[in-house]
Each structure stands twice: as C-alpha cells, then as structure tokens.
C-alpha cells in the first residue's frame, strides 16, 4: 500500500493535550458535522476551520485526541479536508475513530520539530512511514498496520466495507 501526498502539505502546529472537546465542541454536537466542523479548534486556533485547506496536516504534541469517545472529533478534521495528524501519541479511542473515518494518524516522536506553515510530504511506502521536510530532512514515524492504511485509502471503514460488498456482489 502506497499513499504519498500529491502535493506538499501545509503544517498546522498545535501543542500537547488537544482533546476531543477542542476538536468537536460539545455545544455544537447536536448540529452534525456540517455544524461542528466550523467550530473545530476554535478555542485553541480560532482561524483554523476557516483557513485549513484540503490536504493540510496537523503536527501536535503528545496526547492528541484525549478525552471523550466522540467520533465527531476525528470526523470534523476529515470534513475539513485534513489528510493526517502527526503526533508523538494519541488518545486510544481517538486513534481508532480516526482510522475508522479515514483520517491518517502518524505516530512520530519528533512531531514537535515541525513548524507552523512548513511544507511536508508524507511517504507511506514501505514498512516505515516518514514525514519529508522541504529542507530534505526526514522524520521517522511508527509503522502502521496494512489493514489501517487500507482503511484510510478507502476513505474509512464504512467505505471499505461498501467496496468489499460491491466487489463480492458483482457477477463474475
């Protein structure tokens, strides 16, 4: 499985302990993703939801996605077009929700080295994913199981299951 960004991705640099309430504020949960996404990270980065571009990535500190199990926290980022989050660690429930929704998470001990606005390319070819910086340096990331990469490539678990169903039900 190979997923390499088609263009350099712009980095949004965030700190540590970004919780699910910052990603999907509780006050907007009744509105669905169309109503939640414009408020994503508004307490931390008020400009984020309006300025993020499809294909951008987030580089964060440890414990990204800690807090509640709300899948809308990952869904809001997918809705806004974020292609990946790069951090040293993730909340366990967030980790699973993100992949289920097709959001790539890269566990990278050196994520804090990435700077706001810098351009990076994600290289997932081979067993060791990497973040390639414009200056030529590379940040190594933890391996990602193939089934999770396949889920991201399909656009999430439900899309993957639909594709498998369609393939199985197509006459041969």
Protein backbone atom coordinates (compact mmCIF):
# COMPACT_ATOMS: atom_id res chain seq x y z
CA UNK A 1 0.00 0.00 0.00
CA UNK A 2 1.44 3.35 -1.03
CA UNK A 3 0.00 6.69 -0.09
CA UNK A 4 2.15 9.70 -0.89
CA UNK A 5 0.74 13.20 -0.89
CA UNK A 6 0.25 14.59 -4.37
CA UNK A 7 1.49 17.99 -3.26
CA UNK A 8 3.38 19.27 -0.29
CA UNK A 9 1.08 19.61 2.69
CA UNK A 10 0.97 22.71 4.89
CA UNK A 11 1.56 22.10 8.58
CA UNK A 12 -0.68 23.44 11.33
CA UNK A 13 1.37 23.23 14.54
CA UNK A 14 -0.53 22.59 17.76
CA UNK A 15 0.56 21.88 21.30
CA UNK A 16 0.06 18.91 23.57
CA UNK A 17 -3.16 17.52 25.02
CA UNK A 18 -5.56 18.64 22.28
CA UNK A 19 -8.74 16.99 23.49
CA UNK A 20 -11.89 15.92 21.72
CA UNK A 21 -13.83 18.90 23.10
CA UNK A 22 -11.45 21.27 21.31
CA UNK A 23 -11.87 19.32 18.08
CA UNK A 24 -15.66 18.93 18.34
CA UNK A 25 -17.01 21.36 20.96
CA UNK A 26 -19.86 19.88 22.97
CA UNK A 27 -22.09 22.92 22.42
CA UNK A 28 -22.35 22.05 18.72
CA UNK A 29 -22.76 18.29 18.89
CA UNK A 30 -26.46 18.40 18.00
CA UNK A 31 -25.68 20.10 14.68
CA UNK A 32 -23.96 17.24 12.87
CA UNK A 33 -20.58 17.54 11.13
CA UNK A 34 -21.68 20.44 8.94
CA UNK A 35 -22.34 22.43 12.10
CA UNK A 36 -19.47 21.08 14.20
CA UNK A 37 -16.61 21.46 11.70
CA UNK A 38 -16.71 25.28 11.54
CA UNK A 39 -16.02 25.28 15.30
CA UNK A 40 -13.16 22.77 15.21
CA UNK A 41 -10.28 24.06 17.35
CA UNK A 42 -11.96 27.44 17.83
CA UNK A 43 -10.83 27.69 21.47
CA UNK A 44 -7.22 26.99 20.50
CA UNK A 45 -6.92 28.28 16.94
CA UNK A 46 -9.98 30.40 16.07
CA UNK A 47 -8.86 30.80 12.45
CA UNK A 48 -8.32 27.07 11.84
CA UNK A 49 -11.66 25.90 10.45
CA UNK A 50 -11.97 28.79 8.00
CA UNK A 51 -8.34 28.70 6.84
CA UNK A 52 -7.42 25.00 6.71
CA UNK A 53 -7.15 23.67 3.17
CA UNK A 54 -7.80 20.14 1.89
CA UNK A 55 -4.57 18.18 2.17
CA UNK A 56 -3.16 20.16 5.12
CA UNK A 57 -1.75 18.25 8.09
CA UNK A 58 -1.67 18.85 11.81
CA UNK A 59 1.52 18.42 13.82
CA UNK A 60 0.73 18.22 17.51
CA UNK A 61 2.25 17.39 20.84
CA UNK A 62 1.55 14.25 22.86
CA UNK A 63 -1.94 13.04 23.73
CA UNK A 64 -3.76 14.30 20.65
CA UNK A 65 -7.44 13.37 20.83
CA UNK A 66 -7.63 12.61 24.54
CA UNK A 67 -10.99 12.92 26.23
CA UNK A 68 -14.36 11.56 25.26
CA UNK A 69 -15.07 8.88 22.69
CA UNK A 70 -16.92 11.22 20.31
CA UNK A 71 -16.07 10.23 16.79
CA UNK A 72 -17.05 13.70 15.59
CA UNK A 73 -13.65 14.89 16.84
CA UNK A 74 -11.98 12.96 14.03
CA UNK A 75 -14.92 13.50 11.70
CA UNK A 76 -14.59 17.28 11.89
CA UNK A 77 -10.99 17.07 10.66
CA UNK A 78 -11.98 14.73 7.84
CA UNK A 79 -14.85 17.09 6.94
CA UNK A 80 -12.38 20.00 6.76
CA UNK A 81 -10.03 18.03 4.50
CA UNK A 82 -7.16 17.41 6.92
CA UNK A 83 -5.21 14.49 5.47
CA UNK A 84 -3.20 13.50 8.53
CA UNK A 85 -2.34 14.25 12.14
CA UNK A 86 1.28 13.78 13.19
CA UNK A 87 1.90 13.48 16.94
CA UNK A 88 4.01 11.53 19.44
CA UNK A 89 0.90 9.87 20.90
CA UNK A 90 -2.88 9.74 20.54
CA UNK A 91 -5.85 9.03 22.77
CA UNK A 92 -6.75 5.36 22.29
CA UNK A 93 -10.39 5.87 21.31
CA UNK A 94 -9.48 8.78 19.06
CA UNK A 95 -6.90 6.61 17.31
CA UNK A 96 -9.49 4.01 16.38
CA UNK A 97 -12.18 6.54 15.47
CA UNK A 98 -9.77 8.42 13.20
CA UNK A 99 -8.81 5.36 11.15
CA UNK A 100 -12.45 4.21 11.04
CA UNK A 101 -13.29 7.57 9.43
CA UNK A 102 -10.32 7.54 7.06
CA UNK A 103 -8.08 10.03 8.89
CA UNK A 104 -4.41 9.07 8.81
CA UNK A 105 -2.58 9.30 12.14
CA UNK A 106 1.20 9.20 12.14
CA UNK A 107 2.87 8.48 15.46
CA UNK A 108 6.10 10.42 15.32
CA UNK A 109 8.29 11.10 18.35
CA UNK A 110 9.72 14.19 16.61
CA UNK A 111 6.42 15.76 15.54
CA UNK A 112 7.26 18.81 17.66
CA UNK A 113 10.07 19.69 15.24
CA UNK A 114 7.54 20.55 12.53
CA UNK A 115 6.90 24.27 12.24
CA UNK A 116 3.71 26.18 11.55
CA UNK A 117 3.23 26.67 7.80
CA UNK A 118 6.11 24.50 6.64
CA UNK A 119 5.60 22.14 3.72
CA UNK A 120 5.93 18.41 4.19
CA UNK A 121 5.34 15.32 2.12
CA UNK A 122 4.02 12.12 3.67
CA UNK A 123 5.64 8.94 2.46
CA UNK A 124 3.95 5.71 3.45
CA UNK A 125 5.76 3.48 1.00
CA UNK A 126 7.41 0.54 2.69
CA UNK A 127 7.24 -0.57 6.31
CA UNK A 128 8.33 2.73 7.91
CA UNK A 129 6.26 5.84 7.22
CA UNK A 130 8.07 9.14 7.12
CA UNK A 131 7.45 12.87 7.02
CA UNK A 132 9.74 14.50 4.47
CA UNK A 133 10.52 18.16 5.09
CA UNK A 134 11.31 20.77 2.45
CA UNK A 135 14.87 21.06 3.80
CA UNK A 136 15.45 17.41 2.87
CA UNK A 137 15.33 16.00 6.39
CA UNK A 138 13.03 13.13 7.24
CA UNK A 139 11.12 12.36 10.43
CA UNK A 140 10.56 8.68 11.02
CA UNK A 141 7.13 7.51 12.15
CA UNK A 142 5.99 4.30 13.76
CA UNK A 143 4.88 1.56 11.37
CA UNK A 144 1.18 1.42 10.55
CA UNK A 145 -0.50 -1.95 10.04
CA UNK A 146 -1.50 -2.55 6.44
CA UNK A 147 -5.18 -3.00 7.28
CA UNK A 148 -5.29 0.53 8.75
CA UNK A 149 -3.60 2.02 5.67
CA UNK A 150 -6.13 0.20 3.50
CA UNK A 151 -8.91 1.70 5.61
CA UNK A 152 -7.51 5.21 5.09
CA UNK A 153 -7.08 4.62 1.35
CA UNK A 154 -10.73 3.53 1.13
CA UNK A 155 -11.91 6.65 2.97
CA UNK A 156 -12.77 4.86 6.20
CA UNK A 157 -14.21 1.59 7.42
CA UNK A 158 -17.73 2.05 6.04
CA UNK A 159 -16.40 2.90 2.58
CA UNK A 160 -14.06 -0.07 2.76
CA UNK A 161 -16.94 -2.40 3.67
CA UNK A 162 -19.08 -0.96 0.86
CA UNK A 163 -16.27 -1.55 -1.63
CA UNK A 164 -15.84 -5.14 -0.41
CA UNK A 165 -19.59 -5.74 -0.63
CA UNK A 166 -19.77 -4.26 -4.14
CA UNK A 167 -16.84 -6.39 -5.25
CA UNK A 168 -18.37 -9.55 -3.73
CA UNK A 169 -21.81 -8.92 -5.25
CA UNK A 170 -20.54 -8.15 -8.76
CA UNK A 171 -21.27 -11.07 -11.14
CA UNK A 172 -18.13 -12.76 -12.42
